[in-house]
């Protein structure tokens, strides 16, 4: 299920994907408060969502689970698997890959590689990300999996691992196919994973504004890179059926938001609608840190263990988004599991941190073990067994 030799999602984030609090709905429970709550914008698009990546909170969404054609947003998965192969050391960043006739003939946007030549993996990655080259994608796919068909199978396996349950990939490029589809929600999972699991690669390649290959300079099609200095990625897409699509991410005051906008009617519209969504998220919500990474929230009693307590907390800062003006009204309450019996594995869920605003439920976050607790010796186990009878 995991790709070896690469950074994997931490335990908090894997659990967060299962219990993401949908703020758009939860804020309804706060309607009795005096302050006006954020009203999400309506976009000229088929589907969209906005994600606060620090807490994995969905701030707003429209038709997030509607299956749509992803066009070149598909290339995020091709990039993800390419970075994974580099980390796994089955692919070298300076390794030359042969350009097949099939790759050279692939239609759509091109990097303009030449058939029967060799191109380094790094140049192919730049051609795929910056120039959106379909020929670069096919060359990478063939270099990693032997054929694009085999690579598509890898894409679908990885999609399942990431929780992209409404996606199916038929190729590495996003060229139209009736069985090639995804959703805004699934794309947010993919883009979040790419940023989280491969931060150095993301920083290096996705903010590039142009790339020159074969004496041809092509600009990055993501307009927001040129007009908003806080935007550092991620990818555009377009076909006649998909419309104009854009996944964008911005980092302002250490807060990262990710927007997915699918199916606008022009290149300019996908940029303006994405900018509208990002600006709304930053203006309408604050981020507050409830618990620092690796700091015990509680020391919980453990029975039959080599130690009698275990530290419970989070392996990354727990920062959540709250509507502007409500930071002082946030309260939290830890609800631990009723009885903990060794062995306890590091990362094992030990309870929930329940968050409230004005004493109304707002979200729940899994609290995990920050350390491992092994079984105690036979005498400890016997003694604790007796004590549990009377507990």
Protein backbone atom coordinates (compact mmCIF):
# COMPACT_ATOMS: atom_id res chain seq x y z
CA UNK A 1 0.00 0.00 0.00
CA UNK A 2 2.91 2.37 0.70
CA UNK A 3 5.63 3.32 -1.68
CA UNK A 4 8.92 2.57 0.10
CA UNK A 5 11.76 5.08 0.45
CA UNK A 6 9.60 8.17 0.49
CA UNK A 7 8.15 10.46 3.07
CA UNK A 8 4.74 9.14 4.10
CA UNK A 9 1.83 11.15 5.49
CA UNK A 10 1.98 11.50 9.27
CA UNK A 11 -0.56 9.73 11.40
CA UNK A 12 -2.52 12.86 12.20
CA UNK A 13 -3.09 13.70 8.54
CA UNK A 14 -4.16 10.17 7.63
CA UNK A 15 -6.77 10.31 10.37
CA UNK A 16 -7.81 13.87 9.52
CA UNK A 17 -8.83 12.75 6.04
CA UNK A 18 -11.42 10.49 7.67
CA UNK A 19 -12.96 13.13 9.94
CA UNK A 20 -12.49 16.47 8.18
CA UNK A 21 -14.93 18.92 9.76
CA UNK A 22 -17.00 20.54 7.03
CA UNK A 23 -16.96 24.11 8.22
CA UNK A 24 -19.52 25.25 5.68
CA UNK A 25 -22.07 23.11 7.49
CA UNK A 26 -20.75 23.38 11.01
CA UNK A 27 -20.92 27.15 11.06
CA UNK A 28 -24.70 26.86 10.87
CA UNK A 29 -24.65 25.73 14.49
CA UNK A 30 -23.13 29.12 15.42
CA UNK A 31 -25.93 31.20 13.93
CA UNK A 32 -27.00 32.47 17.34
CA UNK A 33 -23.76 34.42 17.78
CA UNK A 34 -23.83 38.13 17.25
CA UNK A 35 -21.16 38.37 14.57
CA UNK A 36 -21.93 37.76 10.92
CA UNK A 37 -20.34 34.52 9.72
CA UNK A 38 -18.43 34.24 6.44
CA UNK A 39 -20.61 33.78 3.37
CA UNK A 40 -18.71 31.79 0.73
CA UNK A 41 -18.47 33.25 -2.77
CA UNK A 42 -20.27 31.77 -5.74
CA UNK A 43 -17.96 31.00 -8.62
CA UNK A 44 -18.50 30.77 -12.37
CA UNK A 45 -17.33 27.15 -12.43
CA UNK A 46 -18.71 23.61 -12.46
CA UNK A 47 -17.16 22.57 -9.16
CA UNK A 48 -14.82 23.99 -6.53
CA UNK A 49 -13.50 23.75 -2.99
CA UNK A 50 -11.15 25.55 -0.63
CA UNK A 51 -8.98 23.68 1.85
CA UNK A 52 -7.05 24.96 4.87
CA UNK A 53 -4.08 22.65 4.71
CA UNK A 54 -2.80 23.18 8.27
CA UNK A 55 -5.86 21.47 9.72
CA UNK A 56 -7.15 19.81 6.54
CA UNK A 57 -10.42 21.71 6.97
CA UNK A 58 -12.76 22.21 4.08
CA UNK A 59 -13.78 25.87 4.25
CA UNK A 60 -16.28 25.78 1.39
CA UNK A 61 -17.20 23.50 -1.49
CA UNK A 62 -19.62 23.19 -4.38
CA UNK A 63 -20.27 19.83 -6.07
CA UNK A 64 -16.98 18.56 -4.65
CA UNK A 65 -17.86 14.92 -5.38
CA UNK A 66 -19.16 15.35 -8.92
CA UNK A 67 -17.11 13.29 -11.36
CA UNK A 68 -15.51 15.49 -13.99
CA UNK A 69 -12.79 15.29 -16.58
CA UNK A 70 -9.51 16.49 -15.00
CA UNK A 71 -7.59 17.37 -18.20
CA UNK A 72 -3.95 18.21 -17.37
CA UNK A 73 -4.62 18.23 -13.62
CA UNK A 74 -3.96 14.51 -14.16
CA UNK A 75 -0.29 15.44 -14.33
CA UNK A 76 -0.26 15.93 -10.55
CA UNK A 77 -0.52 12.15 -10.19
CA UNK A 78 2.17 11.63 -12.85
CA UNK A 79 4.41 14.02 -10.93
CA UNK A 80 3.59 12.36 -7.60
CA UNK A 81 4.64 8.95 -8.89
CA UNK A 82 7.73 10.42 -10.54
CA UNK A 83 8.84 12.02 -7.27
CA UNK A 84 8.08 8.78 -5.43
CA UNK A 85 10.24 6.82 -7.89
CA UNK A 86 13.11 9.28 -7.35
CA UNK A 87 12.83 8.92 -3.58
CA UNK A 88 12.64 5.16 -3.95
CA UNK A 89 15.78 5.38 -6.14
CA UNK A 90 14.22 3.46 -9.01
CA UNK A 91 14.58 6.64 -11.04
CA UNK A 92 17.46 9.10 -11.01
CA UNK A 93 16.95 12.85 -11.34
CA UNK A 94 19.81 13.04 -13.87
CA UNK A 95 18.91 9.76 -15.57
CA UNK A 96 18.31 10.06 -19.35
CA UNK A 97 15.13 8.43 -20.61
CA UNK A 98 14.53 7.45 -24.24
CA UNK A 99 11.80 9.24 -26.18
CA UNK A 100 9.57 6.71 -27.92
CA UNK A 101 7.60 7.26 -31.09
CA UNK A 102 4.42 7.04 -29.02
CA UNK A 103 5.58 9.81 -26.68
CA UNK A 104 6.67 12.00 -29.59
CA UNK A 105 3.34 11.55 -31.38
CA UNK A 106 1.18 12.29 -28.31
CA UNK A 107 -1.17 15.17 -29.08
CA UNK A 108 -2.04 18.24 -27.07
CA UNK A 109 0.44 20.48 -25.28
CA UNK A 110 4.07 19.54 -25.84
CA UNK A 111 7.54 19.94 -24.44
CA UNK A 112 8.78 19.24 -27.98
CA UNK A 113 11.08 16.33 -27.25
CA UNK A 114 12.54 14.57 -30.28
CA UNK A 115 11.90 10.91 -31.07
CA UNK A 116 14.81 8.49 -30.57
CA UNK A 117 16.67 10.95 -28.34
CA UNK A 118 17.19 10.86 -24.58
CA UNK A 119 16.03 13.49 -22.11
CA UNK A 120 16.96 13.73 -18.42
CA UNK A 121 14.30 13.05 -15.82
CA UNK A 122 14.66 16.56 -14.42
CA UNK A 123 14.05 18.18 -17.80
CA UNK A 124 11.04 15.93 -18.32
CA UNK A 125 9.67 16.93 -14.91
CA UNK A 126 10.06 20.62 -15.78
CA UNK A 127 8.49 20.03 -19.18
CA UNK A 128 5.55 18.24 -17.56
CA UNK A 129 4.95 20.81 -14.80
CA UNK A 130 5.80 24.13 -16.44
CA UNK A 131 5.02 23.42 -20.10
CA UNK A 132 2.32 20.80 -19.40
CA UNK A 133 4.01 18.58 -21.98
CA UNK A 134 2.07 15.44 -22.78
CA UNK A 135 5.15 14.03 -24.52
CA UNK A 136 7.12 14.49 -21.28
CA UNK A 137 4.42 12.62 -19.31
CA UNK A 138 4.42 9.61 -21.62
CA UNK A 139 8.22 9.46 -21.57
CA UNK A 140 8.22 9.49 -17.75
CA UNK A 141 5.43 6.91 -17.61
CA UNK A 142 7.31 4.56 -19.92
CA UNK A 143 10.52 5.08 -18.00
CA UNK A 144 8.88 4.26 -14.66
CA UNK A 145 6.45 1.49 -15.60
CA UNK A 146 7.53 0.25 -19.04
CA UNK A 147 4.34 1.43 -20.72
CA UNK A 148 1.68 4.06 -20.20
CA UNK A 149 -0.90 1.30 -19.61
CA UNK A 150 1.15 -0.10 -16.73
CA UNK A 151 1.66 3.41 -15.40
CA UNK A 152 -2.10 4.05 -15.41
CA UNK A 153 -2.52 1.00 -13.18
CA UNK A 154 0.05 2.50 -10.80
CA UNK A 155 -1.88 5.77 -10.84
CA UNK A 156 -5.09 4.03 -9.82
CA UNK A 157 -3.41 2.06 -7.05
CA UNK A 158 -1.92 5.22 -5.64
CA UNK A 159 -5.26 7.02 -5.95
CA UNK A 160 -6.87 4.35 -3.78
CA UNK A 161 -4.10 4.64 -1.21
CA UNK A 162 -4.62 8.39 -1.01
CA UNK A 163 -8.38 7.95 -0.55
CA UNK A 164 -9.32 9.21 -4.03
CA UNK A 165 -12.34 6.95 -4.23
CA UNK A 166 -14.09 8.77 -7.09
CA UNK A 167 -11.17 8.80 -9.53
CA UNK A 168 -10.04 6.62 -12.39
CA UNK A 169 -7.02 7.26 -14.59
CA UNK A 170 -6.54 5.90 -18.09
CA UNK A 171 -3.41 7.82 -19.09
CA UNK A 172 -0.59 9.96 -17.72
CA UNK A 173 -1.56 13.16 -19.52
CA UNK A 174 -5.25 13.89 -19.01
CA UNK A 175 -6.15 13.52 -22.68
CA UNK A 176 -9.89 12.78 -22.98
CA UNK A 177 -11.16 9.28 -22.27
CA UNK A 178 -14.70 8.32 -21.12
CA UNK A 179 -13.22 6.33 -18.22
CA UNK A 180 -10.79 9.07 -17.14
CA UNK A 181 -12.36 11.14 -14.35
CA UNK A 182 -11.93 12.55 -10.87
CA UNK A 183 -13.54 15.07 -8.48
CA UNK A 184 -12.60 18.34 -6.83
CA UNK A 185 -12.34 16.56 -3.47
CA UNK A 186 -10.09 13.84 -4.84
CA UNK A 187 -7.87 16.41 -6.53
CA UNK A 188 -7.51 18.25 -3.23
CA UNK A 189 -6.30 15.01 -1.63
CA UNK A 190 -3.78 14.52 -4.42
CA UNK A 191 -2.48 18.10 -4.42
CA UNK A 192 -2.25 18.11 -0.61
CA UNK A 193 -0.30 14.85 -0.66
CA UNK A 194 2.12 16.17 -3.27
CA UNK A 195 2.81 19.35 -1.27
CA UNK A 196 3.09 17.44 2.01
CA UNK A 197 5.08 14.40 0.87
CA UNK A 198 7.46 16.14 -1.54
CA UNK A 199 7.92 19.70 -0.20
CA UNK A 200 11.34 20.26 -1.77
CA UNK A 201 10.20 19.17 -5.21
CA UNK A 202 7.05 21.24 -4.89
CA UNK A 203 9.01 24.35 -3.95
CA UNK A 204 11.56 23.85 -6.72
CA UNK A 205 9.35 23.10 -9.71
CA UNK A 206 5.79 24.35 -9.24
CA UNK A 207 6.66 28.04 -8.86
CA UNK A 208 8.76 28.10 -12.08
CA UNK A 209 7.33 30.73 -14.41
CA UNK A 210 8.94 29.43 -17.60
CA UNK A 211 11.10 26.66 -18.99
CA UNK A 212 13.18 26.54 -22.15
CA UNK A 213 13.80 23.27 -23.97
CA UNK A 214 14.79 22.51 -27.56
CA UNK A 215 15.26 26.28 -28.08
CA UNK A 216 11.59 26.86 -27.25
CA UNK A 217 10.64 28.89 -24.17
CA UNK A 218 7.17 28.30 -22.79
CA UNK A 219 5.54 30.13 -19.85
CA UNK A 220 3.76 28.49 -16.97
CA UNK A 221 0.02 28.70 -17.70
CA UNK A 222 -0.83 29.42 -14.05
CA UNK A 223 -1.57 33.18 -14.22
CA UNK A 224 -1.64 33.50 -10.42
CA UNK A 225 2.12 32.94 -10.27
CA UNK A 226 2.53 36.30 -12.03
CA UNK A 227 -0.08 38.35 -10.17
CA UNK A 228 -0.01 37.00 -6.60
CA UNK A 229 3.43 36.58 -4.94
CA UNK A 230 1.95 34.30 -2.27
CA UNK A 231 0.86 31.71 -4.86
CA UNK A 232 3.52 29.04 -5.44
CA UNK A 233 1.62 26.43 -7.52
CA UNK A 234 0.10 24.21 -8.63
CA UNK A 235 -1.39 23.21 -12.03
CA UNK A 236 -3.70 24.22 -14.86
CA UNK A 237 -5.80 22.02 -17.10
CA UNK A 238 -7.99 22.46 -20.16
CA UNK A 239 -9.93 20.44 -22.71
CA UNK A 240 -13.16 21.30 -24.48
CA UNK A 241 -15.11 18.96 -22.21
CA UNK A 242 -13.34 19.88 -18.94
CA UNK A 243 -13.29 23.63 -19.49
CA UNK A 244 -10.55 25.69 -17.90
CA UNK A 245 -9.37 24.29 -14.56
CA UNK A 246 -6.86 25.39 -11.93
CA UNK A 247 -5.56 24.01 -8.66
CA UNK A 248 -3.76 26.80 -6.83
CA UNK A 249 -2.05 27.11 -3.47
CA UNK A 250 -0.92 30.16 -1.53
CA UNK A 251 1.15 30.64 1.62
CA UNK A 252 0.39 33.77 3.64
CA UNK A 253 1.59 34.30 7.21
CA UNK A 254 2.49 30.60 7.49
CA UNK A 255 -1.05 29.59 6.46
CA UNK A 256 -1.43 27.48 3.33
CA UNK A 257 -4.73 27.38 1.47
CA UNK A 258 -5.45 25.13 -1.48
CA UNK A 259 -8.18 25.89 -4.00
CA UNK A 260 -9.58 23.60 -6.69
CA UNK A 261 -11.64 25.28 -9.41
CA UNK A 262 -12.99 23.12 -12.24
CA UNK A 263 -14.86 23.98 -15.42
CA UNK A 264 -14.62 27.73 -15.95
CA UNK A 265 -15.12 29.18 -19.42
CA UNK A 266 -11.74 30.85 -19.99
CA UNK A 267 -8.11 31.02 -18.96
CA UNK A 268 -8.72 34.41 -17.33
CA UNK A 269 -11.78 33.12 -15.46
CA UNK A 270 -10.01 30.17 -13.85
CA UNK A 271 -7.39 32.57 -12.49
CA UNK A 272 -9.84 35.22 -11.26
CA UNK A 273 -12.22 32.71 -9.69
CA UNK A 274 -9.34 30.93 -7.94
CA UNK A 275 -8.00 34.26 -6.67
CA UNK A 276 -11.47 35.13 -5.39
CA UNK A 277 -11.66 31.86 -3.46
CA UNK A 278 -8.19 32.18 -1.94
CA UNK A 279 -8.74 35.78 -0.89
CA UNK A 280 -12.06 34.91 0.71
CA UNK A 281 -10.42 32.17 2.77
CA UNK A 282 -7.69 34.42 4.10
CA UNK A 283 -10.01 37.35 4.77
CA UNK A 284 -12.79 35.32 6.40
CA UNK A 285 -10.86 32.89 8.61
CA UNK A 286 -8.07 33.00 11.17
CA UNK A 287 -5.77 30.13 12.02
CA UNK A 288 -5.15 29.33 15.67
CA UNK A 289 -2.83 26.70 17.13
CA UNK A 290 -4.52 24.54 19.74
CA UNK A 291 -1.63 22.20 20.47
CA UNK A 292 2.05 22.22 19.53
CA UNK A 293 3.63 19.22 17.82
CA UNK A 294 4.97 16.44 20.04
CA UNK A 295 3.88 18.20 23.25
CA UNK A 296 1.81 15.95 25.55
CA UNK A 297 -1.82 16.93 25.73
CA UNK A 298 -2.21 14.37 28.51
CA UNK A 299 -0.42 11.48 30.21
CA UNK A 300 -2.86 8.59 30.13
CA UNK A 301 -2.98 5.52 32.35
CA UNK A 302 -1.85 2.31 30.63
CA UNK A 303 -2.58 -1.14 32.04
CA UNK A 304 -0.25 -4.14 31.71
CA UNK A 305 2.51 -2.02 30.19
CA UNK A 306 6.23 -1.62 30.66
CA UNK A 307 5.34 1.88 31.88
CA UNK A 308 2.14 2.97 33.55
CA UNK A 309 1.47 6.04 31.38
CA UNK A 310 1.65 7.10 27.74
CA UNK A 311 2.00 10.60 26.32
CA UNK A 312 -0.89 11.62 24.07
CA UNK A 313 -0.85 14.48 21.59
CA UNK A 314 -0.17 15.36 17.94
CA UNK A 315 2.90 14.82 15.77
CA UNK A 316 2.34 18.13 13.96
CA UNK A 317 0.95 21.42 15.21
CA UNK A 318 -2.82 21.29 15.51
CA UNK A 319 -3.81 24.57 13.89
CA UNK A 320 -7.45 25.07 12.94
CA UNK A 321 -9.28 27.70 10.93
CA UNK A 322 -11.99 29.64 12.71
CA UNK A 323 -14.23 32.48 11.44
CA UNK A 324 -12.79 35.95 11.99
CA UNK A 325 -13.61 37.24 15.44
CA UNK A 326 -14.18 33.85 17.07
CA UNK A 327 -10.65 32.98 18.21
CA UNK A 328 -11.37 33.99 21.81
CA UNK A 329 -14.50 31.84 21.86
CA UNK A 330 -12.71 28.58 21.03
CA UNK A 331 -12.56 25.93 23.72
CA UNK A 332 -11.37 22.34 23.56
CA UNK A 333 -11.97 19.21 25.59
CA UNK A 334 -10.02 15.96 25.46
CA UNK A 335 -12.09 12.76 25.45
CA UNK A 336 -9.70 9.80 25.94
CA UNK A 337 -10.47 6.16 25.31
CA UNK A 338 -11.99 4.55 28.36
CA UNK A 339 -9.28 1.95 29.05
CA UNK A 340 -5.83 1.59 27.49
CA UNK A 341 -4.13 -1.79 27.62
CA UNK A 342 -0.58 -2.44 26.42
CA UNK A 343 0.92 -2.80 23.94
CA UNK A 344 0.40 0.72 22.62
CA UNK A 345 1.97 1.63 19.28
CA UNK A 346 3.28 5.13 18.55
CA UNK A 347 0.65 6.82 16.41
CA UNK A 348 -2.21 4.74 17.81
CA UNK A 349 -5.37 6.76 18.35
CA UNK A 350 -6.06 7.34 22.03
CA UNK A 351 -9.08 9.62 21.90
CA UNK A 352 -10.49 12.83 20.44
CA UNK A 353 -9.95 16.52 21.02
CA UNK A 354 -13.39 18.09 20.79
CA UNK A 355 -13.42 21.74 19.73
CA UNK A 356 -16.25 24.14 20.50
CA UNK A 357 -17.02 27.76 19.63
CA UNK A 358 -19.40 29.54 22.00
CA UNK A 359 -19.96 26.09 23.56
CA UNK A 360 -21.28 24.70 20.28
CA UNK A 361 -19.57 21.74 18.50
CA UNK A 362 -17.12 22.79 15.81
CA UNK A 363 -14.90 19.80 15.09
CA UNK A 364 -13.17 16.71 16.47
CA UNK A 365 -9.51 15.75 16.00
CA UNK A 366 -7.83 12.42 16.73
CA UNK A 367 -5.28 12.39 19.55
CA UNK A 368 -2.54 9.79 19.16
CA UNK A 369 0.20 8.11 21.21
CA UNK A 370 3.47 10.02 21.01
CA UNK A 371 5.45 6.98 22.16
CA UNK A 372 5.39 3.22 22.23
CA UNK A 373 4.47 1.26 25.33
CA UNK A 374 5.40 -2.41 25.31
CA UNK A 375 3.92 -5.19 27.40
CA UNK A 376 5.07 -5.26 30.98
CA UNK A 377 6.55 -8.31 32.66
CA UNK A 378 4.40 -11.20 33.84
CA UNK A 379 4.03 -9.81 37.35
CA UNK A 380 2.82 -6.43 36.08
CA UNK A 381 0.32 -8.11 33.78
CA UNK A 382 -1.05 -10.38 36.52
CA UNK A 383 -1.27 -7.54 39.03
CA UNK A 384 -3.03 -5.20 36.56
CA UNK A 385 -5.42 -7.99 35.51
CA UNK A 386 -6.50 -8.36 39.13
CA UNK A 387 -6.85 -4.62 39.56
CA UNK A 388 -8.96 -4.37 36.40
CA UNK A 389 -11.41 -6.89 37.84
CA UNK A 390 -12.22 -4.38 40.57
CA UNK A 391 -11.89 -1.25 38.49
